[in-house]
Amino acid sequence: MSGGRHRRHAACAGLRQGRRRVPRGTPGGGAQTARPIARGRRQRGYTLLEIMVAFAVLGVALVLLLGTLSGGVRQVRWAADSARAALHARSLLDVVGVGEPLEPGLREGGFEDGRYRWVLQVEPYVDPARLPDEPVDPFGPRLMHLVLQVQWGEGGPRERLRLETLRLVQPDAAWGSG
C-alpha cells in the first residue's frame, strides 16, 4: 500500500506544478503525470508593427483634419474679404455723381490704406438697339455706363470684383454743359 500512497502524493505534487493527472483507462493511463496544460501563455499586447500601423493611420487622419480646418479658415477669410470689397464698391457707387457732375473718364483710389484698390470707368452708354441714323435729343437725359473694379489680396494674383451699372444723367449735369 505504501506504493499507492506514494503515487497519490506524486500526482498531487504534479497538479501543484501545473501538471494534470490522467485518469485510469486513458492512453498513458494510470497515475502518471501528463504534459503541462497549455494555458494562455501567449504574451498579450500589441506588436511593434501594429503600433506603427496605428500611428500611420492616426497621422493620415490628423493631416486630413488639419487640411480641412486650414481650408475652412481660408474660405472664411476669403468670404470676409469679398463681402468687405462688395460693401466698399456699393458705397462708392452710391456716392458717384452725387454733389458733382458725372463726367466720362477714369478714376482710381483705395480703401483701408490701400488694401482694396479700385478703378472706376465712366463713359456714355451706347444703346445697341438704337439705329445709327436715329436722332438724339441734345436736351434729354443721357445714360452713363459705370464700370467699377475692386482688387484686393496680398502678393500673387489678386482677387477682383467687377460691378457695372447705368446712371441717368440730366444734360446740364453731364459734361458740364448747360
N, C-alpha and C. Protein backbone atom coordinates (compact mmCIF):
# COMPACT_ATOMS: atom_id res chain seq x y z
N MET A 1 0.79 -1.19 0.00
CA MET A 1 0.00 0.00 0.00
C MET A 1 0.83 1.26 0.00
N SER A 2 1.99 1.12 0.49
CA SER A 2 2.79 2.33 0.56
C SER A 2 3.11 2.83 -0.84
N GLY A 3 3.18 1.92 -1.85
CA GLY A 3 3.46 2.37 -3.20
C GLY A 3 2.33 3.20 -3.77
N GLY A 4 1.08 2.82 -3.43
CA GLY A 4 -0.07 3.57 -3.93
C GLY A 4 -0.13 4.94 -3.31
N ARG A 5 0.25 4.94 -2.05
CA ARG A 5 0.21 6.22 -1.37
C ARG A 5 1.24 7.17 -1.96
N HIS A 6 2.36 6.62 -2.29
CA HIS A 6 3.42 7.44 -2.86
C HIS A 6 2.99 8.01 -4.21
N ARG A 7 2.31 7.16 -4.97
CA ARG A 7 1.83 7.62 -6.27
C ARG A 7 0.82 8.74 -6.13
N ARG A 8 -0.03 8.62 -5.16
CA ARG A 8 -1.06 9.63 -4.96
C ARG A 8 -0.41 10.96 -4.61
N HIS A 9 0.57 10.95 -3.76
CA HIS A 9 1.24 12.19 -3.39
C HIS A 9 1.99 12.78 -4.59
N ALA A 10 2.54 11.94 -5.41
CA ALA A 10 3.25 12.42 -6.60
C ALA A 10 2.28 13.07 -7.56
N ALA A 11 1.07 12.51 -7.66
CA ALA A 11 0.06 13.09 -8.55
C ALA A 11 -0.35 14.46 -8.04
N CYS A 12 -0.52 14.60 -6.74
CA CYS A 12 -0.89 15.90 -6.17
C CYS A 12 0.23 16.90 -6.38
N ALA A 13 1.47 16.44 -6.23
CA ALA A 13 2.60 17.34 -6.44
C ALA A 13 2.64 17.79 -7.90
N GLY A 14 2.28 16.90 -8.81
CA GLY A 14 2.24 17.26 -10.23
C GLY A 14 1.18 18.30 -10.51
N LEU A 15 0.04 18.21 -9.81
CA LEU A 15 -1.01 19.21 -10.01
C LEU A 15 -0.53 20.58 -9.53
N ARG A 16 0.21 20.57 -8.44
CA ARG A 16 0.71 21.84 -7.93
C ARG A 16 1.73 22.45 -8.87
N GLN A 17 2.41 21.65 -9.65
CA GLN A 17 3.43 22.15 -10.56
C GLN A 17 2.85 22.46 -11.93
N GLY A 18 1.57 22.46 -12.09
CA GLY A 18 0.96 22.77 -13.37
C GLY A 18 0.77 21.57 -14.25
N ARG A 19 0.85 20.38 -13.70
CA ARG A 19 0.64 19.17 -14.47
C ARG A 19 -0.70 18.59 -14.07
N ARG A 20 -1.28 17.87 -14.95
CA ARG A 20 -2.58 17.28 -14.61
C ARG A 20 -2.47 15.77 -14.56
N ARG A 21 -3.37 15.23 -13.87
CA ARG A 21 -3.39 13.78 -13.69
C ARG A 21 -4.24 13.18 -14.78
N VAL A 22 -3.74 12.15 -15.41
CA VAL A 22 -4.50 11.48 -16.46
C VAL A 22 -5.29 10.36 -15.80
N PRO A 23 -6.60 10.32 -15.97
CA PRO A 23 -7.40 9.26 -15.34
C PRO A 23 -7.01 7.89 -15.88
N ARG A 24 -7.33 6.86 -15.08
CA ARG A 24 -7.04 5.49 -15.49
C ARG A 24 -7.89 5.14 -16.70
N GLY A 25 -7.37 4.34 -17.53
CA GLY A 25 -8.09 3.88 -18.70
C GLY A 25 -7.89 4.78 -19.91
N THR A 26 -7.10 5.80 -19.78
CA THR A 26 -6.81 6.67 -20.92
C THR A 26 -5.41 6.37 -21.38
N PRO A 27 -5.07 6.69 -22.60
CA PRO A 27 -3.72 6.43 -23.05
C PRO A 27 -2.73 7.15 -22.16
N GLY A 28 -1.68 6.48 -21.84
CA GLY A 28 -0.71 7.00 -20.91
C GLY A 28 -1.13 6.71 -19.49
N GLY A 29 -2.26 6.11 -19.36
CA GLY A 29 -3.01 5.75 -18.18
C GLY A 29 -2.33 5.77 -16.84
N GLY A 30 -3.08 5.37 -15.92
CA GLY A 30 -2.59 5.25 -14.56
C GLY A 30 -2.47 6.61 -13.91
N ALA A 31 -1.60 6.63 -12.97
CA ALA A 31 -1.43 7.82 -12.17
C ALA A 31 -0.25 8.64 -12.65
N GLN A 32 0.18 8.40 -13.87
CA GLN A 32 1.32 9.15 -14.37
C GLN A 32 0.89 10.58 -14.71
N THR A 33 1.84 11.47 -14.64
CA THR A 33 1.53 12.86 -14.99
C THR A 33 1.69 13.03 -16.48
N ALA A 34 0.89 13.90 -17.04
CA ALA A 34 0.91 14.14 -18.48
C ALA A 34 1.63 15.46 -18.78
N ARG A 35 1.53 15.84 -20.02
CA ARG A 35 2.15 17.10 -20.46
C ARG A 35 1.59 18.29 -19.68
N PRO A 36 2.34 19.37 -19.64
CA PRO A 36 1.81 20.56 -18.96
C PRO A 36 0.59 21.09 -19.70
N ILE A 37 -0.32 21.65 -18.98
CA ILE A 37 -1.54 22.23 -19.58
C ILE A 37 -1.14 23.49 -20.33
N ALA A 38 -1.62 23.58 -21.55
CA ALA A 38 -1.31 24.77 -22.34
C ALA A 38 -2.25 25.88 -21.93
N ARG A 39 -1.85 26.60 -20.94
CA ARG A 39 -2.66 27.75 -20.53
C ARG A 39 -2.24 28.92 -21.40
N GLY A 40 -3.05 29.92 -21.60
CA GLY A 40 -2.76 31.05 -22.48
C GLY A 40 -1.42 31.67 -22.18
N ARG A 41 -0.36 31.00 -22.57
CA ARG A 41 0.98 31.50 -22.30
C ARG A 41 1.43 32.50 -23.36
N ARG A 42 0.58 32.78 -24.38
CA ARG A 42 0.94 33.79 -25.37
C ARG A 42 0.99 35.14 -24.68
N GLN A 43 1.93 35.94 -25.05
CA GLN A 43 2.01 37.25 -24.44
C GLN A 43 0.91 38.13 -24.99
N ARG A 44 0.33 38.88 -24.12
CA ARG A 44 -0.75 39.78 -24.52
C ARG A 44 -0.14 41.14 -24.85
N GLY A 45 -0.85 41.93 -25.70
CA GLY A 45 -0.38 43.26 -26.07
C GLY A 45 -0.27 43.39 -27.58
N TYR A 46 0.29 44.51 -28.02
CA TYR A 46 0.39 44.80 -29.44
C TYR A 46 1.82 44.62 -29.90
N THR A 47 1.94 44.23 -31.15
CA THR A 47 3.28 44.10 -31.72
C THR A 47 3.74 45.47 -32.20
N LEU A 48 4.99 45.58 -32.46
CA LEU A 48 5.56 46.84 -32.94
C LEU A 48 4.94 47.23 -34.28
N LEU A 49 4.68 46.26 -35.13
CA LEU A 49 4.08 46.53 -36.43
C LEU A 49 2.68 47.11 -36.27
N GLU A 50 1.90 46.54 -35.36
CA GLU A 50 0.55 47.06 -35.13
C GLU A 50 0.59 48.50 -34.61
N ILE A 51 1.53 48.79 -33.75
CA ILE A 51 1.66 50.16 -33.23
C ILE A 51 2.06 51.12 -34.34
N MET A 52 2.97 50.70 -35.20
CA MET A 52 3.40 51.56 -36.31
C MET A 52 2.25 51.82 -37.27
N VAL A 53 1.45 50.80 -37.57
CA VAL A 53 0.30 50.98 -38.45
C VAL A 53 -0.71 51.93 -37.81
N ALA A 54 -0.94 51.78 -36.51
CA ALA A 54 -1.88 52.66 -35.81
C ALA A 54 -1.41 54.11 -35.86
N PHE A 55 -0.11 54.34 -35.67
CA PHE A 55 0.41 55.71 -35.74
C PHE A 55 0.32 56.26 -37.16
N ALA A 56 0.53 55.42 -38.16
CA ALA A 56 0.41 55.87 -39.54
C ALA A 56 -1.02 56.29 -39.85
N VAL A 57 -1.99 55.49 -39.42
CA VAL A 57 -3.40 55.82 -39.63
C VAL A 57 -3.75 57.11 -38.89
N LEU A 58 -3.27 57.24 -37.67
CA LEU A 58 -3.51 58.46 -36.89
C LEU A 58 -2.89 59.67 -37.58
N GLY A 59 -1.69 59.51 -38.12
CA GLY A 59 -1.03 60.62 -38.82
C GLY A 59 -1.81 61.05 -40.05
N VAL A 60 -2.29 60.09 -40.84
CA VAL A 60 -3.08 60.42 -42.02
C VAL A 60 -4.36 61.13 -41.62
N ALA A 61 -5.02 60.65 -40.58
CA ALA A 61 -6.25 61.28 -40.12
C ALA A 61 -6.00 62.72 -39.66
N LEU A 62 -4.91 62.94 -38.94
CA LEU A 62 -4.59 64.30 -38.47
C LEU A 62 -4.26 65.23 -39.63
N VAL A 63 -3.54 64.73 -40.62
CA VAL A 63 -3.22 65.56 -41.79
C VAL A 63 -4.50 65.96 -42.51
N LEU A 64 -5.40 65.02 -42.70
CA LEU A 64 -6.67 65.34 -43.36
C LEU A 64 -7.49 66.33 -42.55
N LEU A 65 -7.53 66.14 -41.25
CA LEU A 65 -8.29 67.04 -40.38
C LEU A 65 -7.71 68.45 -40.41
N LEU A 66 -6.39 68.57 -40.28
CA LEU A 66 -5.76 69.89 -40.30
C LEU A 66 -5.90 70.55 -41.66
N GLY A 67 -5.82 69.78 -42.73
CA GLY A 67 -6.03 70.33 -44.07
C GLY A 67 -7.43 70.88 -44.23
N THR A 68 -8.40 70.16 -43.72
CA THR A 68 -9.78 70.62 -43.79
C THR A 68 -9.98 71.89 -42.98
N LEU A 69 -9.41 71.92 -41.79
CA LEU A 69 -9.56 73.11 -40.95
C LEU A 69 -8.88 74.32 -41.57
N SER A 70 -7.68 74.15 -42.10
CA SER A 70 -7.00 75.31 -42.69
C SER A 70 -7.71 75.76 -43.96
N GLY A 71 -8.25 74.82 -44.73
CA GLY A 71 -9.05 75.19 -45.90
C GLY A 71 -10.29 75.96 -45.50
N GLY A 72 -10.91 75.56 -44.41
CA GLY A 72 -12.09 76.28 -43.91
C GLY A 72 -11.75 77.68 -43.46
N VAL A 73 -10.60 77.84 -42.81
CA VAL A 73 -10.17 79.17 -42.37
C VAL A 73 -9.91 80.06 -43.57
N ARG A 74 -9.27 79.52 -44.61
CA ARG A 74 -9.03 80.30 -45.83
C ARG A 74 -10.34 80.72 -46.48
N GLN A 75 -11.31 79.81 -46.51
CA GLN A 75 -12.61 80.14 -47.11
C GLN A 75 -13.32 81.24 -46.33
N VAL A 76 -13.25 81.17 -45.02
CA VAL A 76 -13.90 82.20 -44.20
C VAL A 76 -13.22 83.55 -44.44
N ARG A 77 -11.89 83.57 -44.48
CA ARG A 77 -11.16 84.82 -44.72
C ARG A 77 -11.50 85.38 -46.10
N TRP A 78 -11.54 84.50 -47.12
CA TRP A 78 -11.87 84.95 -48.47
C TRP A 78 -13.28 85.52 -48.52
N ALA A 79 -14.22 84.86 -47.85
CA ALA A 79 -15.60 85.35 -47.84
C ALA A 79 -15.69 86.71 -47.15
N ALA A 80 -14.97 86.88 -46.05
CA ALA A 80 -14.99 88.16 -45.35
C ALA A 80 -14.38 89.26 -46.21
N ASP A 81 -13.27 88.97 -46.89
CA ASP A 81 -12.65 89.96 -47.77
C ASP A 81 -13.56 90.31 -48.94
N SER A 82 -14.21 89.31 -49.51
CA SER A 82 -15.12 89.56 -50.63
C SER A 82 -16.31 90.40 -50.20
N ALA A 83 -16.86 90.10 -49.05
CA ALA A 83 -18.00 90.88 -48.55
C ALA A 83 -17.59 92.32 -48.28
N ARG A 84 -16.39 92.49 -47.74
CA ARG A 84 -15.90 93.84 -47.46
C ARG A 84 -15.66 94.62 -48.76
N ALA A 85 -15.11 93.95 -49.77
CA ALA A 85 -14.90 94.60 -51.07
C ALA A 85 -16.23 94.99 -51.70
N ALA A 86 -17.23 94.13 -51.60
CA ALA A 86 -18.55 94.44 -52.15
C ALA A 86 -19.18 95.62 -51.41
N LEU A 87 -18.99 95.67 -50.11
CA LEU A 87 -19.52 96.79 -49.32
C LEU A 87 -18.86 98.11 -49.74
N HIS A 88 -17.55 98.11 -49.90
CA HIS A 88 -16.85 99.32 -50.35
C HIS A 88 -17.30 99.72 -51.75
N ALA A 89 -17.44 98.74 -52.64
CA ALA A 89 -17.84 99.04 -54.02
C ALA A 89 -19.24 99.65 -54.07
N ARG A 90 -20.16 99.07 -53.33
CA ARG A 90 -21.53 99.61 -53.32
C ARG A 90 -21.56 101.02 -52.75
N SER A 91 -20.80 101.25 -51.69
CA SER A 91 -20.81 102.60 -51.10
C SER A 91 -20.18 103.61 -52.06
N LEU A 92 -19.15 103.21 -52.81
CA LEU A 92 -18.55 104.12 -53.78
C LEU A 92 -19.53 104.43 -54.91
N LEU A 93 -20.20 103.40 -55.42
CA LEU A 93 -21.17 103.63 -56.49
C LEU A 93 -22.34 104.49 -56.02
N ASP A 94 -22.67 104.41 -54.74
CA ASP A 94 -23.77 105.22 -54.22
C ASP A 94 -23.43 106.71 -54.20
N VAL A 95 -22.17 107.06 -54.04
CA VAL A 95 -21.81 108.48 -53.94
C VAL A 95 -21.29 109.07 -55.25
N VAL A 96 -21.00 108.24 -56.25
CA VAL A 96 -20.50 108.76 -57.53
C VAL A 96 -21.61 109.58 -58.19
N GLY A 97 -21.27 110.80 -58.57
CA GLY A 97 -22.23 111.67 -59.24
C GLY A 97 -23.12 112.43 -58.30
N VAL A 98 -22.98 112.24 -57.01
CA VAL A 98 -23.78 112.98 -56.03
C VAL A 98 -22.96 114.20 -55.61
N GLY A 99 -23.53 115.39 -55.82
CA GLY A 99 -22.84 116.62 -55.44
C GLY A 99 -21.81 117.08 -56.45
N GLU A 100 -21.53 116.31 -57.45
CA GLU A 100 -20.60 116.70 -58.52
C GLU A 100 -21.09 116.07 -59.81
N PRO A 101 -20.84 116.72 -60.93
CA PRO A 101 -21.32 116.15 -62.20
C PRO A 101 -20.58 114.85 -62.53
N LEU A 102 -21.30 113.96 -63.15
CA LEU A 102 -20.74 112.67 -63.56
C LEU A 102 -20.15 112.85 -64.95
N GLU A 103 -18.85 112.84 -65.05
CA GLU A 103 -18.17 113.08 -66.32
C GLU A 103 -17.46 111.82 -66.78
N PRO A 104 -17.37 111.63 -68.11
CA PRO A 104 -16.65 110.47 -68.62
C PRO A 104 -15.18 110.55 -68.22
N GLY A 105 -14.61 109.39 -67.97
CA GLY A 105 -13.19 109.34 -67.62
C GLY A 105 -12.88 108.16 -66.72
N LEU A 106 -11.65 108.16 -66.24
CA LEU A 106 -11.15 107.07 -65.41
C LEU A 106 -10.67 107.65 -64.09
N ARG A 107 -11.11 107.05 -62.99
CA ARG A 107 -10.68 107.47 -61.65
C ARG A 107 -10.19 106.26 -60.89
N GLU A 108 -9.24 106.49 -60.00
CA GLU A 108 -8.67 105.41 -59.19
C GLU A 108 -8.61 105.85 -57.75
N GLY A 109 -8.54 104.85 -56.86
CA GLY A 109 -8.42 105.15 -55.44
C GLY A 109 -8.26 103.87 -54.64
N GLY A 110 -8.38 104.01 -53.34
CA GLY A 110 -8.23 102.86 -52.46
C GLY A 110 -9.04 102.99 -51.20
N PHE A 111 -9.24 101.88 -50.54
CA PHE A 111 -9.92 101.81 -49.25
C PHE A 111 -8.97 101.14 -48.26
N GLU A 112 -9.16 101.43 -47.00
CA GLU A 112 -8.40 100.79 -45.92
C GLU A 112 -6.89 100.83 -46.16
N ASP A 113 -6.39 102.02 -46.36
CA ASP A 113 -4.95 102.25 -46.55
C ASP A 113 -4.37 101.43 -47.70
N GLY A 114 -5.11 101.33 -48.78
CA GLY A 114 -4.61 100.65 -49.97
C GLY A 114 -4.82 99.15 -50.00
N ARG A 115 -5.43 98.60 -48.99
CA ARG A 115 -5.68 97.15 -49.01
C ARG A 115 -6.63 96.78 -50.15
N TYR A 116 -7.61 97.65 -50.39
CA TYR A 116 -8.54 97.48 -51.50
C TYR A 116 -8.29 98.62 -52.48
N ARG A 117 -7.99 98.29 -53.72
CA ARG A 117 -7.77 99.29 -54.76
C ARG A 117 -8.95 99.26 -55.71
N TRP A 118 -9.36 100.44 -56.20
CA TRP A 118 -10.48 100.49 -57.12
C TRP A 118 -10.17 101.35 -58.33
N VAL A 119 -10.83 101.02 -59.45
CA VAL A 119 -10.74 101.78 -60.69
C VAL A 119 -12.17 101.94 -61.19
N LEU A 120 -12.56 103.19 -61.45
CA LEU A 120 -13.91 103.49 -61.94
C LEU A 120 -13.80 104.10 -63.33
N GLN A 121 -14.49 103.48 -64.27
CA GLN A 121 -14.53 103.99 -65.64
C GLN A 121 -15.95 104.46 -65.93
N VAL A 122 -16.07 105.70 -66.38
CA VAL A 122 -17.37 106.29 -66.71
C VAL A 122 -17.34 106.66 -68.18
N GLU A 123 -18.36 106.23 -68.93
CA GLU A 123 -18.47 106.56 -70.35
C GLU A 123 -19.94 106.62 -70.74
N PRO A 124 -20.26 107.36 -71.79
CA PRO A 124 -21.65 107.41 -72.24
C PRO A 124 -22.10 106.01 -72.69
N TYR A 125 -23.34 105.71 -72.37
CA TYR A 125 -23.89 104.40 -72.73
C TYR A 125 -24.34 104.44 -74.18
N VAL A 126 -23.96 103.42 -74.93
CA VAL A 126 -24.37 103.29 -76.32
C VAL A 126 -25.40 102.17 -76.37
N ASP A 127 -26.62 102.54 -76.74
CA ASP A 127 -27.71 101.56 -76.80
C ASP A 127 -27.54 100.70 -78.05
N PRO A 128 -27.36 99.40 -77.91
CA PRO A 128 -27.17 98.55 -79.09
C PRO A 128 -28.44 98.43 -79.93
N ALA A 129 -29.60 98.73 -79.36
CA ALA A 129 -30.85 98.62 -80.11
C ALA A 129 -31.15 99.89 -80.91
N ARG A 130 -30.45 100.97 -80.65
CA ARG A 130 -30.70 102.23 -81.35
C ARG A 130 -30.04 102.20 -82.72
N LEU A 131 -30.76 102.67 -83.71
CA LEU A 131 -30.22 102.75 -85.07
C LEU A 131 -29.23 103.91 -85.15
N PRO A 132 -28.18 103.78 -85.97
CA PRO A 132 -27.16 104.83 -86.04
C PRO A 132 -27.69 106.17 -86.57
N ASP A 133 -28.67 106.14 -87.44
CA ASP A 133 -29.17 107.40 -88.01
C ASP A 133 -30.35 107.96 -87.21
N GLU A 134 -30.69 107.33 -86.10
CA GLU A 134 -31.80 107.80 -85.26
C GLU A 134 -31.37 109.08 -84.54
N PRO A 135 -32.21 110.13 -84.56
CA PRO A 135 -31.83 111.39 -83.93
C PRO A 135 -31.79 111.27 -82.40
N VAL A 136 -30.89 112.06 -81.78
CA VAL A 136 -30.73 112.07 -80.34
C VAL A 136 -31.14 113.45 -79.84
N ASP A 137 -31.94 113.49 -78.80
CA ASP A 137 -32.37 114.76 -78.20
C ASP A 137 -31.20 115.33 -77.40
N PRO A 138 -30.63 116.46 -77.83
CA PRO A 138 -29.48 117.01 -77.12
C PRO A 138 -29.84 117.53 -75.73
N PHE A 139 -31.12 117.81 -75.47
CA PHE A 139 -31.53 118.34 -74.17
C PHE A 139 -32.16 117.27 -73.27
N GLY A 140 -32.21 116.05 -73.77
CA GLY A 140 -32.79 114.95 -73.00
C GLY A 140 -31.77 114.31 -72.06
N PRO A 141 -32.26 113.54 -71.11
CA PRO A 141 -31.33 112.86 -70.19
C PRO A 141 -30.51 111.81 -70.94
N ARG A 142 -29.35 111.51 -70.40
CA ARG A 142 -28.46 110.53 -71.02
C ARG A 142 -28.12 109.45 -70.00
N LEU A 143 -27.83 108.28 -70.55
CA LEU A 143 -27.37 107.18 -69.69
C LEU A 143 -25.85 107.14 -69.70
N MET A 144 -25.29 106.95 -68.51
CA MET A 144 -23.84 106.79 -68.37
C MET A 144 -23.58 105.35 -67.89
N HIS A 145 -22.57 104.75 -68.47
CA HIS A 145 -22.17 103.38 -68.13
C HIS A 145 -21.01 103.47 -67.15
N LEU A 146 -21.19 102.92 -65.94
CA LEU A 146 -20.16 102.93 -64.91
C LEU A 146 -19.65 101.51 -64.72
N VAL A 147 -18.34 101.34 -64.76
CA VAL A 147 -17.70 100.04 -64.51
C VAL A 147 -16.71 100.25 -63.36
N LEU A 148 -16.96 99.56 -62.27
CA LEU A 148 -16.09 99.66 -61.09
C LEU A 148 -15.42 98.31 -60.86
N GLN A 149 -14.09 98.34 -60.76
CA GLN A 149 -13.33 97.13 -60.45
C GLN A 149 -12.60 97.35 -59.13
N VAL A 150 -12.78 96.41 -58.21
CA VAL A 150 -12.10 96.46 -56.92
C VAL A 150 -11.17 95.25 -56.85
N GLN A 151 -9.92 95.49 -56.44
CA GLN A 151 -8.93 94.42 -56.29
C GLN A 151 -8.43 94.41 -54.86
N TRP A 152 -8.14 93.20 -54.36
CA TRP A 152 -7.57 93.05 -53.02
C TRP A 152 -6.79 91.76 -52.97
N GLY A 153 -6.01 91.62 -51.95
CA GLY A 153 -5.22 90.40 -51.77
C GLY A 153 -3.76 90.75 -51.59
N GLU A 154 -3.03 89.81 -51.03
CA GLU A 154 -1.62 90.03 -50.75
C GLU A 154 -0.78 89.16 -51.65
N GLY A 155 0.13 89.76 -52.39
CA GLY A 155 1.02 89.01 -53.26
C GLY A 155 0.25 88.22 -54.30
N GLY A 156 0.95 87.59 -55.19
CA GLY A 156 0.35 86.70 -56.18
C GLY A 156 -0.82 87.31 -56.91
N PRO A 157 -1.68 86.48 -57.47
CA PRO A 157 -2.85 87.00 -58.17
C PRO A 157 -3.83 87.61 -57.17
N ARG A 158 -4.28 88.79 -57.49
CA ARG A 158 -5.21 89.48 -56.59
C ARG A 158 -6.64 89.08 -56.94
N GLU A 159 -7.49 89.17 -55.95
CA GLU A 159 -8.92 88.90 -56.16
C GLU A 159 -9.54 90.13 -56.79
N ARG A 160 -10.61 89.92 -57.56
CA ARG A 160 -11.26 91.04 -58.24
C ARG A 160 -12.77 90.96 -58.10
N LEU A 161 -13.34 92.14 -58.05
CA LEU A 161 -14.79 92.28 -58.07
C LEU A 161 -15.11 93.33 -59.12
N ARG A 162 -16.04 93.03 -60.00
CA ARG A 162 -16.39 93.97 -61.06
C ARG A 162 -17.89 94.22 -60.98
N LEU A 163 -18.25 95.50 -60.89
CA LEU A 163 -19.65 95.91 -60.87
C LEU A 163 -19.89 96.87 -62.03
N GLU A 164 -21.02 96.69 -62.69
CA GLU A 164 -21.42 97.59 -63.78
C GLU A 164 -22.82 98.09 -63.49
N THR A 165 -23.03 99.35 -63.81
CA THR A 165 -24.35 99.93 -63.62
C THR A 165 -24.55 101.06 -64.61
N LEU A 166 -25.79 101.47 -64.76
CA LEU A 166 -26.15 102.60 -65.61
C LEU A 166 -26.70 103.71 -64.73
N ARG A 167 -26.36 104.96 -65.07
CA ARG A 167 -26.89 106.12 -64.36
C ARG A 167 -27.54 107.06 -65.36
N LEU A 168 -28.69 107.56 -64.97
CA LEU A 168 -29.39 108.55 -65.78
C LEU A 168 -28.90 109.93 -65.35
N VAL A 169 -28.39 110.69 -66.32
CA VAL A 169 -27.81 112.00 -66.02
C VAL A 169 -28.55 113.05 -66.83
N GLN A 170 -28.88 114.14 -66.17
CA GLN A 170 -29.52 115.26 -66.86
C GLN A 170 -28.48 115.96 -67.74
N PRO A 171 -28.89 116.53 -68.87
CA PRO A 171 -27.91 117.10 -69.81
C PRO A 171 -27.09 118.24 -69.21
N ASP A 172 -27.63 119.02 -68.29
CA ASP A 172 -26.84 120.11 -67.73
C ASP A 172 -25.79 119.59 -66.75
N ALA A 173 -25.99 118.39 -66.21
CA ALA A 173 -25.02 117.81 -65.28
C ALA A 173 -23.96 117.01 -66.02
N ALA A 174 -24.31 116.54 -67.22
CA ALA A 174 -23.35 115.73 -67.98
C ALA A 174 -22.40 116.64 -68.72
N TRP A 175 -21.14 116.38 -68.62
CA TRP A 175 -20.06 117.08 -69.32
C TRP A 175 -20.02 118.57 -69.01
N GLY A 176 -20.67 118.98 -67.94
CA GLY A 176 -20.59 120.38 -67.52
C GLY A 176 -21.30 121.33 -68.47
N SER A 177 -22.14 120.83 -69.37
CA SER A 177 -22.85 121.72 -70.30
C SER A 177 -24.15 122.17 -69.68
N GLY A 178 -24.67 123.25 -70.13
CA GLY A 178 -25.92 123.68 -69.54
C GLY A 178 -26.53 124.66 -70.35
